[in-house]
Amino acid sequence: MTLASRLAVVAIASLFATGTAFAQTAAPAAKTDATTTEKKAPKERSAESLECSKQADAKGLHGKERKKFRSECIKSAKAGTAPAADKK
């Protein structure tokens, strides 16, 4: 046997050996249907939160102003005081 034929035999044998090694690897774990199809349930909003959102909508507030207004409004509503005044 010549050197070239020996290298060819070794190359072919190694391809067969690696093919079976790859065939025996474990399949990746499948994701369960519960985690992929289930969405988080929406968080229940309190009456104070809903009322403050309505007030913010009436004032036309958006972004940081709305967030600040709602935060102050909810705090005052839970404390039992009147909602925050308009700060435009």
C-alpha atoms as a PDB file:
ATOM      1  CA  MET A   1       0.000   0.000   0.000  1.00  0.00           C
ATOM      2  CA  THR A   2       1.209   3.420  -0.835  1.00  0.00           C
ATOM      3  CA  LEU A   3       1.174   6.380   1.498  1.00  0.00           C
ATOM      4  CA  ALA A   4      -1.660   8.072  -0.364  1.00  0.00           C
ATOM      5  CA  SER A   5      -3.894   5.012  -0.160  1.00  0.00           C
ATOM      6  CA  ARG A   6      -3.185   4.621   3.575  1.00  0.00           C
ATOM      7  CA  LEU A   7      -4.147   8.287   4.166  1.00  0.00           C
ATOM      8  CA  ALA A   8      -7.336   7.780   2.184  1.00  0.00           C
ATOM      9  CA  VAL A   9      -8.279   4.712   4.254  1.00  0.00           C
ATOM     10  CA  VAL A  10      -7.598   6.591   7.512  1.00  0.00           C
ATOM     11  CA  ALA A  11      -9.635   9.589   6.339  1.00  0.00           C
ATOM     12  CA  ILE A  12     -12.607   7.418   5.382  1.00  0.00           C
ATOM     13  CA  ALA A  13     -12.429   5.475   8.645  1.00  0.00           C
ATOM     14  CA  SER A  14     -12.335   8.685  10.658  1.00  0.00           C
ATOM     15  CA  LEU A  15     -15.413  10.007   8.818  1.00  0.00           C
ATOM     16  CA  PHE A  16     -17.314   6.859   9.742  1.00  0.00           C
ATOM     17  CA  ALA A  17     -16.182   7.100  13.362  1.00  0.00           C
ATOM     18  CA  THR A  18     -17.161  10.751  13.740  1.00  0.00           C
ATOM     19  CA  GLY A  19     -20.501  10.166  12.028  1.00  0.00           C
ATOM     20  CA  THR A  20     -21.525   7.643  14.651  1.00  0.00           C
ATOM     21  CA  ALA A  21     -20.253   9.900  17.432  1.00  0.00           C
ATOM     22  CA  PHE A  22     -22.464  12.743  16.215  1.00  0.00           C
ATOM     23  CA  ALA A  23     -25.396  10.392  15.797  1.00  0.00           C
ATOM     24  CA  GLN A  24     -25.208   9.380  19.451  1.00  0.00           C
ATOM     25  CA  THR A  25     -25.389  12.864  20.948  1.00  0.00           C
ATOM     26  CA  ALA A  26     -28.473  13.671  22.959  1.00  0.00           C
ATOM     27  CA  ALA A  27     -31.142  15.842  21.421  1.00  0.00           C
ATOM     28  CA  PRO A  28     -31.628  19.253  23.032  1.00  0.00           C
ATOM     29  CA  ALA A  29     -34.332  19.367  25.664  1.00  0.00           C
ATOM     30  CA  ALA A  30     -37.677  20.400  24.253  1.00  0.00           C
ATOM     31  CA  LYS A  31     -39.435  23.368  25.810  1.00  0.00           C
ATOM     32  CA  THR A  32     -42.657  22.516  27.547  1.00  0.00           C
ATOM     33  CA  ASP A  33     -45.878  23.806  26.077  1.00  0.00           C
ATOM     34  CA  ALA A  34     -46.867  25.451  29.360  1.00  0.00           C
ATOM     35  CA  THR A  35     -43.944  27.862  29.345  1.00  0.00           C
ATOM     36  CA  THR A  36     -44.062  28.759  25.669  1.00  0.00           C
ATOM     37  CA  THR A  37     -47.805  29.122  25.078  1.00  0.00           C
ATOM     38  CA  GLU A  38     -48.864  30.544  28.416  1.00  0.00           C
ATOM     39  CA  LYS A  39     -48.782  34.293  28.818  1.00  0.00           C
ATOM     40  CA  LYS A  40     -48.577  36.047  32.128  1.00  0.00           C
ATOM     41  CA  ALA A  41     -51.935  36.973  33.517  1.00  0.00           C
ATOM     42  CA  PRO A  42     -52.514  40.726  33.546  1.00  0.00           C
ATOM     43  CA  LYS A  43     -52.040  42.256  36.954  1.00  0.00           C
ATOM     44  CA  GLU A  44     -55.242  43.331  38.620  1.00  0.00           C
ATOM     45  CA  ARG A  45     -55.438  47.108  38.953  1.00  0.00           C
ATOM     46  CA  SER A  46     -56.840  48.736  42.062  1.00  0.00           C
ATOM     47  CA  ALA A  47     -59.726  51.190  42.051  1.00  0.00           C
ATOM     48  CA  GLU A  48     -57.278  53.968  42.969  1.00  0.00           C
ATOM     49  CA  SER A  49     -55.076  53.129  39.989  1.00  0.00           C
ATOM     50  CA  LEU A  50     -57.994  53.106  37.582  1.00  0.00           C
ATOM     51  CA  GLU A  51     -59.339  56.419  38.895  1.00  0.00           C
ATOM     52  CA  CYS A  52     -55.917  58.075  38.663  1.00  0.00           C
ATOM     53  CA  SER A  53     -55.544  56.797  35.087  1.00  0.00           C
ATOM     54  CA  LYS A  54     -58.882  58.347  34.187  1.00  0.00           C
ATOM     55  CA  GLN A  55     -57.792  61.654  35.702  1.00  0.00           C
ATOM     56  CA  ALA A  56     -54.488  61.525  33.811  1.00  0.00           C
ATOM     57  CA  ASP A  57     -56.378  60.816  30.576  1.00  0.00           C
ATOM     58  CA  ALA A  58     -58.692  63.761  31.224  1.00  0.00           C
ATOM     59  CA  LYS A  59     -55.667  66.039  31.679  1.00  0.00           C
ATOM     60  CA  GLY A  60     -54.000  64.651  28.561  1.00  0.00           C
ATOM     61  CA  LEU A  61     -50.829  63.605  30.394  1.00  0.00           C
ATOM     62  CA  HIS A  62     -48.265  61.338  28.729  1.00  0.00           C
ATOM     63  CA  GLY A  63     -44.842  59.899  29.508  1.00  0.00           C
ATOM     64  CA  LYS A  64     -42.971  61.070  32.589  1.00  0.00           C
ATOM     65  CA  GLU A  65     -45.639  63.615  33.516  1.00  0.00           C
ATOM     66  CA  ARG A  66     -48.312  60.917  33.531  1.00  0.00           C
ATOM     67  CA  LYS A  67     -46.170  58.541  35.551  1.00  0.00           C
ATOM     68  CA  LYS A  68     -45.407  61.230  38.135  1.00  0.00           C
ATOM     69  CA  PHE A  69     -49.053  62.293  38.368  1.00  0.00           C
ATOM     70  CA  ARG A  70     -50.309  58.727  38.764  1.00  0.00           C
ATOM     71  CA  SER A  71     -47.709  57.966  41.423  1.00  0.00           C
ATOM     72  CA  GLU A  72     -48.682  60.999  43.495  1.00  0.00           C
ATOM     73  CA  CYS A  73     -52.380  60.378  42.907  1.00  0.00           C
ATOM     74  CA  ILE A  74     -52.239  56.755  44.016  1.00  0.00           C
ATOM     75  CA  LYS A  75     -50.219  57.638  47.116  1.00  0.00           C
ATOM     76  CA  SER A  76     -52.690  60.317  48.112  1.00  0.00           C
ATOM     77  CA  ALA A  77     -55.686  58.063  47.352  1.00  0.00           C
ATOM     78  CA  LYS A  78     -54.305  55.284  49.547  1.00  0.00           C
ATOM     79  CA  ALA A  79     -53.575  57.804  52.305  1.00  0.00           C
ATOM     80  CA  GLY A  80     -57.196  58.990  52.086  1.00  0.00           C
ATOM     81  CA  THR A  81     -56.491  62.548  50.963  1.00  0.00           C
ATOM     82  CA  ALA A  82     -57.661  64.345  47.854  1.00  0.00           C
ATOM     83  CA  PRO A  83     -55.917  63.601  44.550  1.00  0.00           C
ATOM     84  CA  ALA A  84     -52.962  65.731  43.538  1.00  0.00           C
ATOM     85  CA  ALA A  85     -53.689  69.110  41.982  1.00  0.00           C
ATOM     86  CA  ASP A  86     -52.884  69.986  38.376  1.00  0.00           C
ATOM     87  CA  LYS A  87     -49.217  71.029  38.138  1.00  0.00           C
ATOM     88  CA  LYS A  88     -48.937  72.273  34.543  1.00  0.00           C
END
